[in-house]
Amino acid sequence: MADGLARPRLNAVVVLSIAAFVSIVDRSVTPPLVPVIADDFATPVAQIGIALTLYSIAYAVFTLPWSILSTHWGRVRVLAVSTGIAALANAGTALSQDQLSFTVSRGISGAAFAATFTVVLVYFGDSMTMARRAVATANLAAAVALGLALGTLGAGAIAHWLNWRWVFAVVAIVSVLLVVLVLLLPEPPHGAREGLVPSLARLVRTPWAIAVLGITLLEGVLLIGIYNYFPVALQETGTSVLVAGAVTAAFGASVIVVSQLMKLVLGRWPAWLLLLIAGVCVVGGYIALGLTVTPASVVVASVLLGIAWALGHTTIQTWMTDAAATARPIGMALFSIALFTGASIGAALGGAAADTGVFGTLFTAAAVASVVFTILATAGRARYRVGGS
């Protein structure tokens, strides 16, 4: 790349990290509020929990259309439009008067923010080498972690001292400001426009890309879908929304620390080792919760899953940008689809557990699934060579 592109690219990393931060805040504020909103609407917790599932489904479904639009409209324009829609959806959530309007507005927000990570990752892929991408995704993980921590902690605090509606009003306002920042970004260079079918055909003929998507699906179940129900499980034991939000915010805090420390070992430790450590952490976290659900066990599990996200998710993300290099926009869209399809499956399982009160069984099953995830991710990355071999 020409030296003249260095400064705009640096600015782009900052703005895109903020975009990721806002999208993650939007995703993380709802879980700790589910019991509070259910009480406000005089609705069973499981009914409000449907909004979590719909959010993940909408996110998965709309990721691919946004990716196609970004190829034709440009990355910057799509990110600005989608963020603007998300701002309106959050305003609608803040004004919702019943379970239906709340669920619909959350679904629209999920559909809108589905554009964010695909555009961010493709932007990185279009403008950075593999090594620089690894560092950028580590910074992205820190932004995500901060969003998770502030989202869960802030939602609990605002709901405790003010009203849950203010949480979504704040997200709406910040999203409007983000649109302005996004419009200042330079459009990254990218290849010739290609139709969906040729890109998908090329991707299907790439076995490693398909393998990474399968691993990502399982990751979504464990690190997003089921994790979203940690505060709900804790509140079922009588813990307040403020404490539940604070405890699960340990996830974000651990990601912030580990994602920055990770920069010290990038290029020195093999990627498969990072995935092995991540997998062991996920197994340990769910074993802790399978034994008992208390503030202490949720803190332990949240920290361990945070470590796993920082080490594992960023590694898988970078892996996918290389495995799908010949069809990167579609590949990264499918990456997000796989992640949030898994998240919707996990959220549905969490909702069922909330409805029947069998969180212990759910977390024990998740521990077993985590062993499978660890084996597949570690063995797969150990065999993979950069360049798709």
Protein backbone atom coordinates (compact mmCIF):
# COMPACT_ATOMS: atom_id res chain seq x y z
CA MET A 1 0.00 0.00 0.00
CA ALA A 2 1.16 3.54 -0.62
CA ASP A 3 2.43 5.49 2.35
CA GLY A 4 -0.19 8.15 1.72
CA LEU A 5 -2.90 5.70 2.76
CA ALA A 6 -1.39 5.09 6.19
CA ARG A 7 -2.98 7.99 8.04
CA PRO A 8 -6.55 7.52 6.73
CA ARG A 9 -6.28 3.81 7.50
CA LEU A 10 -5.28 4.55 11.08
CA ASN A 11 -8.24 6.88 11.45
CA ALA A 12 -10.45 4.22 9.92
CA VAL A 13 -9.35 1.65 12.50
CA VAL A 14 -10.34 4.00 15.30
CA VAL A 15 -13.74 4.84 13.84
CA LEU A 16 -14.49 1.24 12.92
CA SER A 17 -13.56 0.12 16.42
CA ILE A 18 -16.05 2.67 17.77
CA ALA A 19 -18.66 1.26 15.38
CA ALA A 20 -17.98 -2.24 16.70
CA PHE A 21 -18.19 -0.92 20.25
CA VAL A 22 -21.63 0.63 19.68
CA SER A 23 -22.99 -2.48 17.96
CA ILE A 24 -21.82 -4.66 20.85
CA VAL A 25 -23.31 -2.30 23.42
CA ASP A 26 -26.60 -2.65 21.56
CA ARG A 27 -26.36 -6.43 21.74
CA SER A 28 -25.25 -6.63 25.37
CA VAL A 29 -27.71 -4.25 27.06
CA THR A 30 -30.79 -6.44 26.68
CA PRO A 31 -29.83 -9.66 28.57
CA PRO A 32 -29.54 -8.12 32.06
CA LEU A 33 -32.76 -6.18 31.47
CA VAL A 34 -34.94 -9.15 30.48
CA PRO A 35 -36.46 -9.76 33.96
CA VAL A 36 -36.96 -6.02 34.53
CA ILE A 37 -38.71 -5.49 31.18
CA ALA A 38 -40.81 -8.62 31.72
CA ASP A 39 -41.96 -7.21 35.04
CA ASP A 40 -42.74 -3.82 33.48
CA PHE A 41 -44.84 -5.41 30.73
CA ALA A 42 -46.34 -8.01 33.11
CA THR A 43 -45.05 -10.71 30.76
CA PRO A 44 -43.21 -14.00 31.49
CA VAL A 45 -39.43 -13.79 31.24
CA ALA A 46 -39.42 -16.33 28.41
CA GLN A 47 -41.64 -14.02 26.31
CA ILE A 48 -39.21 -11.11 26.59
CA GLY A 49 -36.38 -13.56 25.97
CA ILE A 50 -37.83 -14.06 22.48
CA ALA A 51 -36.39 -10.64 21.66
CA LEU A 52 -32.87 -12.03 22.22
CA THR A 53 -33.53 -14.89 19.84
CA LEU A 54 -35.13 -12.64 17.21
CA TYR A 55 -32.21 -10.22 17.47
CA SER A 56 -29.73 -12.99 16.70
CA ILE A 57 -31.86 -14.41 13.89
CA ALA A 58 -32.28 -10.97 12.29
CA TYR A 59 -28.56 -10.36 12.63
CA ALA A 60 -27.79 -13.65 10.88
CA VAL A 61 -30.38 -13.21 8.12
CA PHE A 62 -29.45 -9.63 7.19
CA THR A 63 -25.68 -9.98 7.25
CA LEU A 64 -25.48 -11.33 3.70
CA PRO A 65 -27.75 -8.67 2.10
CA TRP A 66 -25.69 -5.93 3.75
CA SER A 67 -22.52 -7.54 2.42
CA ILE A 68 -23.89 -7.59 -1.11
CA LEU A 69 -24.96 -3.95 -0.80
CA SER A 70 -21.50 -2.99 0.50
CA THR A 71 -19.97 -4.40 -2.67
CA HIS A 72 -22.21 -2.24 -4.85
CA TRP A 73 -22.74 0.85 -2.67
CA GLY A 74 -19.40 0.90 -0.88
CA ARG A 75 -18.42 -0.08 2.66
CA VAL A 76 -18.76 3.43 4.12
CA ARG A 77 -22.21 4.18 2.73
CA VAL A 78 -23.66 0.86 3.92
CA LEU A 79 -22.23 1.32 7.41
CA ALA A 80 -23.68 4.84 7.66
CA VAL A 81 -27.15 3.77 6.45
CA SER A 82 -27.31 0.68 8.68
CA THR A 83 -26.18 2.60 11.75
CA GLY A 84 -28.84 5.25 11.08
CA ILE A 85 -31.53 2.55 10.93
CA ALA A 86 -30.21 1.10 14.19
CA ALA A 87 -30.53 4.53 15.81
CA LEU A 88 -34.21 4.69 14.83
CA ALA A 89 -34.79 1.12 16.05
CA ASN A 90 -33.30 1.90 19.46
CA ALA A 91 -35.49 4.98 19.72
CA GLY A 92 -38.44 2.71 18.98
CA THR A 93 -37.31 0.28 21.68
CA ALA A 94 -37.16 3.09 24.21
CA LEU A 95 -40.73 4.06 23.33
CA SER A 96 -42.18 0.52 23.10
CA GLN A 97 -45.34 -0.08 25.08
CA ASP A 98 -45.68 -3.86 25.03
CA GLN A 99 -43.81 -7.10 24.43
CA LEU A 100 -44.59 -7.14 20.70
CA SER A 101 -43.35 -3.62 19.92
CA PHE A 102 -40.25 -4.24 22.06
CA THR A 103 -39.44 -7.49 20.26
CA VAL A 104 -40.00 -6.03 16.78
CA SER A 105 -37.82 -2.98 17.46
CA ARG A 106 -35.03 -5.18 18.83
CA GLY A 107 -35.26 -7.35 15.73
CA ILE A 108 -34.90 -4.29 13.49
CA SER A 109 -31.89 -3.16 15.51
CA GLY A 110 -30.27 -6.58 15.11
CA ALA A 111 -30.94 -6.51 11.37
CA ALA A 112 -29.37 -3.04 11.09
CA PHE A 113 -26.28 -3.74 13.18
CA ALA A 114 -25.76 -6.94 11.15
CA ALA A 115 -23.84 -4.76 8.70
CA THR A 116 -21.27 -3.54 11.20
CA PHE A 117 -18.86 -6.41 11.72
CA THR A 118 -18.97 -7.60 8.12
CA VAL A 119 -18.10 -4.13 6.86
CA VAL A 120 -15.39 -3.67 9.51
CA LEU A 121 -13.71 -7.00 8.78
CA VAL A 122 -13.91 -6.58 5.02
CA TYR A 123 -12.52 -3.05 5.37
CA PHE A 124 -9.58 -4.50 7.32
CA GLY A 125 -9.14 -7.25 4.74
CA ASP A 126 -9.20 -4.78 1.86
CA SER A 127 -6.61 -2.45 3.35
CA MET A 128 -4.25 -4.52 5.56
CA THR A 129 -1.78 -7.37 5.40
CA MET A 130 -2.44 -10.55 7.40
CA ALA A 131 -0.06 -9.43 10.17
CA ARG A 132 -1.63 -5.99 10.48
CA ARG A 133 -5.09 -7.55 10.45
CA ALA A 134 -4.16 -9.66 13.48
CA VAL A 135 -3.24 -6.53 15.44
CA ALA A 136 -6.33 -4.67 14.21
CA THR A 137 -8.60 -7.52 15.26
CA ALA A 138 -6.94 -7.53 18.69
CA ASN A 139 -7.82 -3.83 19.00
CA LEU A 140 -11.28 -4.66 17.73
CA ALA A 141 -11.59 -7.28 20.46
CA ALA A 142 -10.77 -4.61 23.04
CA ALA A 143 -13.52 -2.37 21.63
CA VAL A 144 -15.93 -5.29 21.70
CA ALA A 145 -14.96 -6.10 25.27
CA LEU A 146 -15.43 -2.52 26.38
CA GLY A 147 -18.86 -2.56 24.73
CA LEU A 148 -19.77 -5.78 26.52
CA ALA A 149 -18.57 -4.50 29.88
CA LEU A 150 -20.20 -1.08 29.64
CA GLY A 151 -23.31 -2.54 28.04
CA THR A 152 -24.05 -5.07 30.78
CA LEU A 153 -22.83 -2.89 33.65
CA GLY A 154 -24.40 0.30 32.32
CA ALA A 155 -27.73 -1.36 31.54
CA GLY A 156 -27.93 -2.75 35.06
CA ALA A 157 -27.02 0.58 36.66
CA ILE A 158 -29.41 2.66 34.55
CA ALA A 159 -32.26 0.21 35.10
CA HIS A 160 -31.56 0.19 38.84
CA TRP A 161 -31.38 3.95 39.32
CA LEU A 162 -33.46 5.32 36.41
CA ASN A 163 -35.50 3.28 33.94
CA TRP A 164 -34.61 0.61 31.38
CA ARG A 165 -35.92 2.82 28.53
CA TRP A 166 -33.04 5.25 29.01
CA VAL A 167 -30.58 2.49 28.07
CA PHE A 168 -31.91 2.29 24.52
CA ALA A 169 -32.34 6.06 24.27
CA VAL A 170 -28.61 6.48 24.96
CA VAL A 171 -27.72 3.87 22.30
CA ALA A 172 -29.92 5.73 19.80
CA ILE A 173 -28.18 9.06 20.46
CA VAL A 174 -24.68 7.58 20.24
CA SER A 175 -25.59 5.80 16.99
CA VAL A 176 -26.60 9.13 15.40
CA LEU A 177 -23.22 10.60 16.34
CA LEU A 178 -21.49 7.53 14.92
CA VAL A 179 -23.15 8.04 11.53
CA VAL A 180 -21.38 11.40 11.29
CA LEU A 181 -17.99 9.81 12.05
CA VAL A 182 -18.51 6.99 9.57
CA LEU A 183 -19.29 9.42 6.75
CA LEU A 184 -15.80 10.92 7.22
CA LEU A 185 -14.09 7.60 6.42
CA PRO A 186 -12.29 7.01 3.13
CA GLU A 187 -13.66 4.21 0.98
CA PRO A 188 -11.13 1.32 0.96
CA PRO A 189 -9.80 -0.10 -2.32
CA HIS A 190 -11.41 -3.35 -3.36
CA GLY A 191 -11.59 -5.63 -6.32
CA ALA A 192 -14.09 -5.78 -9.12
CA ARG A 193 -17.73 -6.24 -8.24
CA GLU A 194 -18.91 -9.82 -8.47
CA GLY A 195 -22.34 -11.39 -8.22
CA LEU A 196 -23.47 -13.43 -5.24
CA VAL A 197 -23.61 -16.79 -7.04
CA PRO A 198 -20.00 -16.76 -8.37
CA SER A 199 -18.68 -15.68 -4.97
CA LEU A 200 -20.65 -18.37 -3.14
CA ALA A 201 -19.54 -20.98 -5.66
CA ARG A 202 -15.90 -20.08 -5.10
CA LEU A 203 -16.38 -20.17 -1.33
CA VAL A 204 -18.09 -23.56 -1.39
CA ARG A 205 -15.08 -24.94 -3.24
CA THR A 206 -12.84 -23.80 -0.36
CA PRO A 207 -12.96 -26.58 2.27
CA TRP A 208 -11.12 -24.57 4.91
CA ALA A 209 -13.61 -21.71 4.69
CA ILE A 210 -16.47 -24.16 5.24
CA ALA A 211 -14.63 -25.72 8.19
CA VAL A 212 -14.07 -22.33 9.83
CA LEU A 213 -17.76 -21.50 9.40
CA GLY A 214 -18.71 -24.71 11.23
CA ILE A 215 -16.38 -23.88 14.10
CA THR A 216 -17.78 -20.35 14.20
CA LEU A 217 -21.34 -21.67 14.45
CA LEU A 218 -20.45 -23.63 17.58
CA GLU A 219 -18.58 -20.63 18.96
CA GLY A 220 -21.73 -18.52 18.57
CA VAL A 221 -23.75 -21.02 20.60
CA LEU A 222 -21.25 -21.04 23.46
CA LEU A 223 -19.79 -17.53 23.61
CA ILE A 224 -22.84 -15.46 22.66
CA GLY A 225 -26.15 -17.33 22.81
CA ILE A 226 -25.81 -19.19 26.09
CA TYR A 227 -23.59 -16.50 27.62
CA ASN A 228 -26.42 -13.98 27.13
CA TYR A 229 -28.40 -15.91 29.74
CA PHE A 230 -25.78 -15.69 32.48
CA PRO A 231 -27.46 -12.62 34.07
CA VAL A 232 -30.89 -14.20 33.68
CA ALA A 233 -29.72 -17.39 35.39
CA LEU A 234 -28.23 -15.33 38.20
CA GLN A 235 -31.38 -13.25 38.67
CA GLU A 236 -33.37 -16.49 38.91
CA THR A 237 -31.46 -17.12 42.17
CA GLY A 238 -32.66 -13.79 43.59
CA THR A 239 -29.70 -11.60 42.61
CA SER A 240 -30.57 -8.01 41.64
CA VAL A 241 -30.28 -6.67 38.09
CA LEU A 242 -27.49 -4.32 39.19
CA VAL A 243 -25.37 -7.13 40.65
CA ALA A 244 -26.11 -9.45 37.72
CA GLY A 245 -24.99 -6.78 35.26
CA ALA A 246 -21.85 -5.99 37.25
CA VAL A 247 -20.89 -9.64 37.60
CA THR A 248 -21.30 -10.52 33.92
CA ALA A 249 -19.37 -7.37 32.98
CA ALA A 250 -16.31 -9.35 34.10
CA PHE A 251 -16.44 -10.89 30.61
CA GLY A 252 -15.70 -7.56 28.97
CA ALA A 253 -13.07 -6.62 31.54
CA SER A 254 -11.13 -9.82 30.93
CA VAL A 255 -11.30 -9.37 27.14
CA ILE A 256 -9.89 -5.84 27.43
CA VAL A 257 -6.90 -7.04 29.43
CA VAL A 258 -6.21 -10.22 27.46
CA SER A 259 -6.68 -8.64 24.02
CA GLN A 260 -3.98 -6.10 24.83
CA LEU A 261 -1.63 -8.70 26.32
CA MET A 262 -2.27 -10.81 23.24
CA LYS A 263 -0.29 -8.34 21.15
CA LEU A 264 2.83 -9.50 22.97
CA VAL A 265 2.48 -13.06 21.69
CA LEU A 266 1.04 -12.51 18.21
CA GLY A 267 3.50 -13.99 15.75
CA ARG A 268 5.36 -15.76 18.56
CA TRP A 269 2.77 -18.27 19.72
CA PRO A 270 1.14 -20.47 17.05
CA ALA A 271 -2.53 -19.77 16.38
CA TRP A 272 -3.54 -23.31 17.34
CA LEU A 273 -2.11 -22.77 20.84
CA LEU A 274 -4.24 -19.66 21.31
CA LEU A 275 -7.30 -21.68 20.30
CA LEU A 276 -6.36 -24.49 22.67
CA ILE A 277 -6.10 -22.09 25.60
CA ALA A 278 -9.39 -20.49 24.56
CA GLY A 279 -11.14 -23.84 24.40
CA VAL A 280 -9.89 -24.95 27.80
CA CYS A 281 -11.21 -21.68 29.27
CA VAL A 282 -14.67 -22.25 27.76
CA VAL A 283 -14.78 -25.79 29.16
CA GLY A 284 -13.72 -24.56 32.59
CA GLY A 285 -16.26 -21.75 32.60
CA TYR A 286 -19.20 -24.00 31.86
CA ILE A 287 -18.06 -26.65 34.33
CA ALA A 288 -18.07 -23.95 37.03
CA LEU A 289 -21.65 -22.97 36.16
CA GLY A 290 -22.77 -26.57 35.80
CA LEU A 291 -21.80 -27.13 39.42
CA THR A 292 -23.55 -24.06 40.83
CA VAL A 293 -24.94 -20.68 39.76
CA THR A 294 -23.77 -17.99 42.19
CA PRO A 295 -22.27 -14.52 41.74
CA ALA A 296 -18.82 -16.08 42.31
CA SER A 297 -19.26 -18.86 39.75
CA VAL A 298 -20.68 -16.43 37.18
CA VAL A 299 -17.68 -14.14 37.68
CA VAL A 300 -15.32 -17.08 37.14
CA ALA A 301 -17.21 -18.25 34.05
CA SER A 302 -17.45 -14.71 32.64
CA VAL A 303 -13.72 -14.14 33.05
CA LEU A 304 -12.86 -17.49 31.45
CA LEU A 305 -15.20 -16.91 28.51
CA GLY A 306 -13.77 -13.42 28.16
CA ILE A 307 -10.28 -14.89 27.85
CA ALA A 308 -11.63 -17.36 25.31
CA TRP A 309 -13.20 -14.54 23.27
CA ALA A 310 -10.01 -12.49 23.27
CA LEU A 311 -7.78 -15.40 22.27
CA GLY A 312 -10.14 -17.61 20.32
CA HIS A 313 -12.60 -15.37 18.52
CA THR A 314 -9.97 -12.97 17.21
CA THR A 315 -7.88 -15.92 15.99
CA ILE A 316 -10.85 -17.50 14.20
CA GLN A 317 -11.78 -14.10 12.74
CA THR A 318 -8.30 -13.59 11.30
CA TRP A 319 -8.30 -17.20 10.10
CA MET A 320 -11.49 -16.61 8.15
CA THR A 321 -10.17 -13.47 6.44
CA ASP A 322 -7.43 -15.65 4.95
CA ALA A 323 -9.45 -18.82 4.30
CA ALA A 324 -12.03 -16.78 2.37
CA ALA A 325 -9.54 -14.48 0.67
CA THR A 326 -10.87 -15.23 -2.82
CA ALA A 327 -14.41 -14.20 -1.84
CA ARG A 328 -13.83 -12.11 1.26
CA PRO A 329 -17.01 -9.93 1.36
CA ILE A 330 -19.28 -12.96 1.08
CA GLY A 331 -16.97 -15.02 3.29
CA MET A 332 -17.03 -12.51 6.13
CA ALA A 333 -20.78 -12.12 5.75
CA LEU A 334 -21.18 -15.88 6.14
CA PHE A 335 -18.80 -15.73 9.09
CA SER A 336 -21.15 -13.32 10.86
CA ILE A 337 -24.15 -15.39 9.78
CA ALA A 338 -22.60 -18.54 11.25
CA LEU A 339 -21.68 -16.73 14.47
CA PHE A 340 -25.14 -15.30 15.02
CA THR A 341 -26.99 -18.38 13.82
CA GLY A 342 -25.11 -20.13 16.58
CA ALA A 343 -26.03 -17.26 18.90
CA SER A 344 -29.72 -17.64 18.05
CA ILE A 345 -29.53 -21.39 18.74
CA GLY A 346 -27.84 -20.69 22.08
CA ALA A 347 -30.38 -17.99 22.91
CA ALA A 348 -33.24 -20.37 22.15
CA LEU A 349 -31.67 -22.96 24.45
CA GLY A 350 -31.24 -20.28 27.13
CA GLY A 351 -34.87 -19.23 26.76
CA ALA A 352 -36.01 -22.83 27.16
CA ALA A 353 -33.84 -23.17 30.26
CA ALA A 354 -35.31 -19.96 31.71
CA ASP A 355 -38.81 -21.23 31.06
CA THR A 356 -38.20 -24.61 32.72
CA GLY A 357 -35.59 -23.66 35.31
CA VAL A 358 -32.91 -26.12 34.14
CA PHE A 359 -29.91 -23.84 33.79
CA GLY A 360 -27.68 -26.43 35.46
CA THR A 361 -28.45 -28.95 32.72
CA LEU A 362 -27.88 -26.31 30.02
CA PHE A 363 -24.47 -25.34 31.39
CA THR A 364 -23.40 -28.97 31.77
CA ALA A 365 -24.34 -29.70 28.15
CA ALA A 366 -22.45 -26.55 27.11
CA ALA A 367 -19.33 -27.89 28.86
CA VAL A 368 -19.51 -31.05 26.75
CA ALA A 369 -20.03 -29.02 23.56
CA SER A 370 -17.04 -26.88 24.55
CA VAL A 371 -14.79 -29.95 24.47
CA VAL A 372 -15.89 -30.59 20.88
CA PHE A 373 -15.27 -26.94 19.99
CA THR A 374 -11.77 -27.08 21.48
CA ILE A 375 -10.79 -30.20 19.56
CA LEU A 376 -12.13 -29.00 16.20
CA ALA A 377 -10.70 -25.48 16.43
CA THR A 378 -7.27 -26.50 17.71
CA ALA A 379 -6.75 -29.42 15.34
CA GLY A 380 -8.05 -27.48 12.37
CA ARG A 381 -5.86 -24.43 12.90
CA ALA A 382 -2.80 -26.62 13.53
CA ARG A 383 -3.21 -28.17 10.07
CA TYR A 384 -3.99 -24.90 8.27
CA ARG A 385 -1.32 -22.91 6.48
CA VAL A 386 -1.72 -19.24 5.57
CA GLY A 387 -2.89 -19.03 2.00
CA GLY A 388 -5.63 -21.60 2.38
CA SER A 389 -3.60 -24.80 2.45
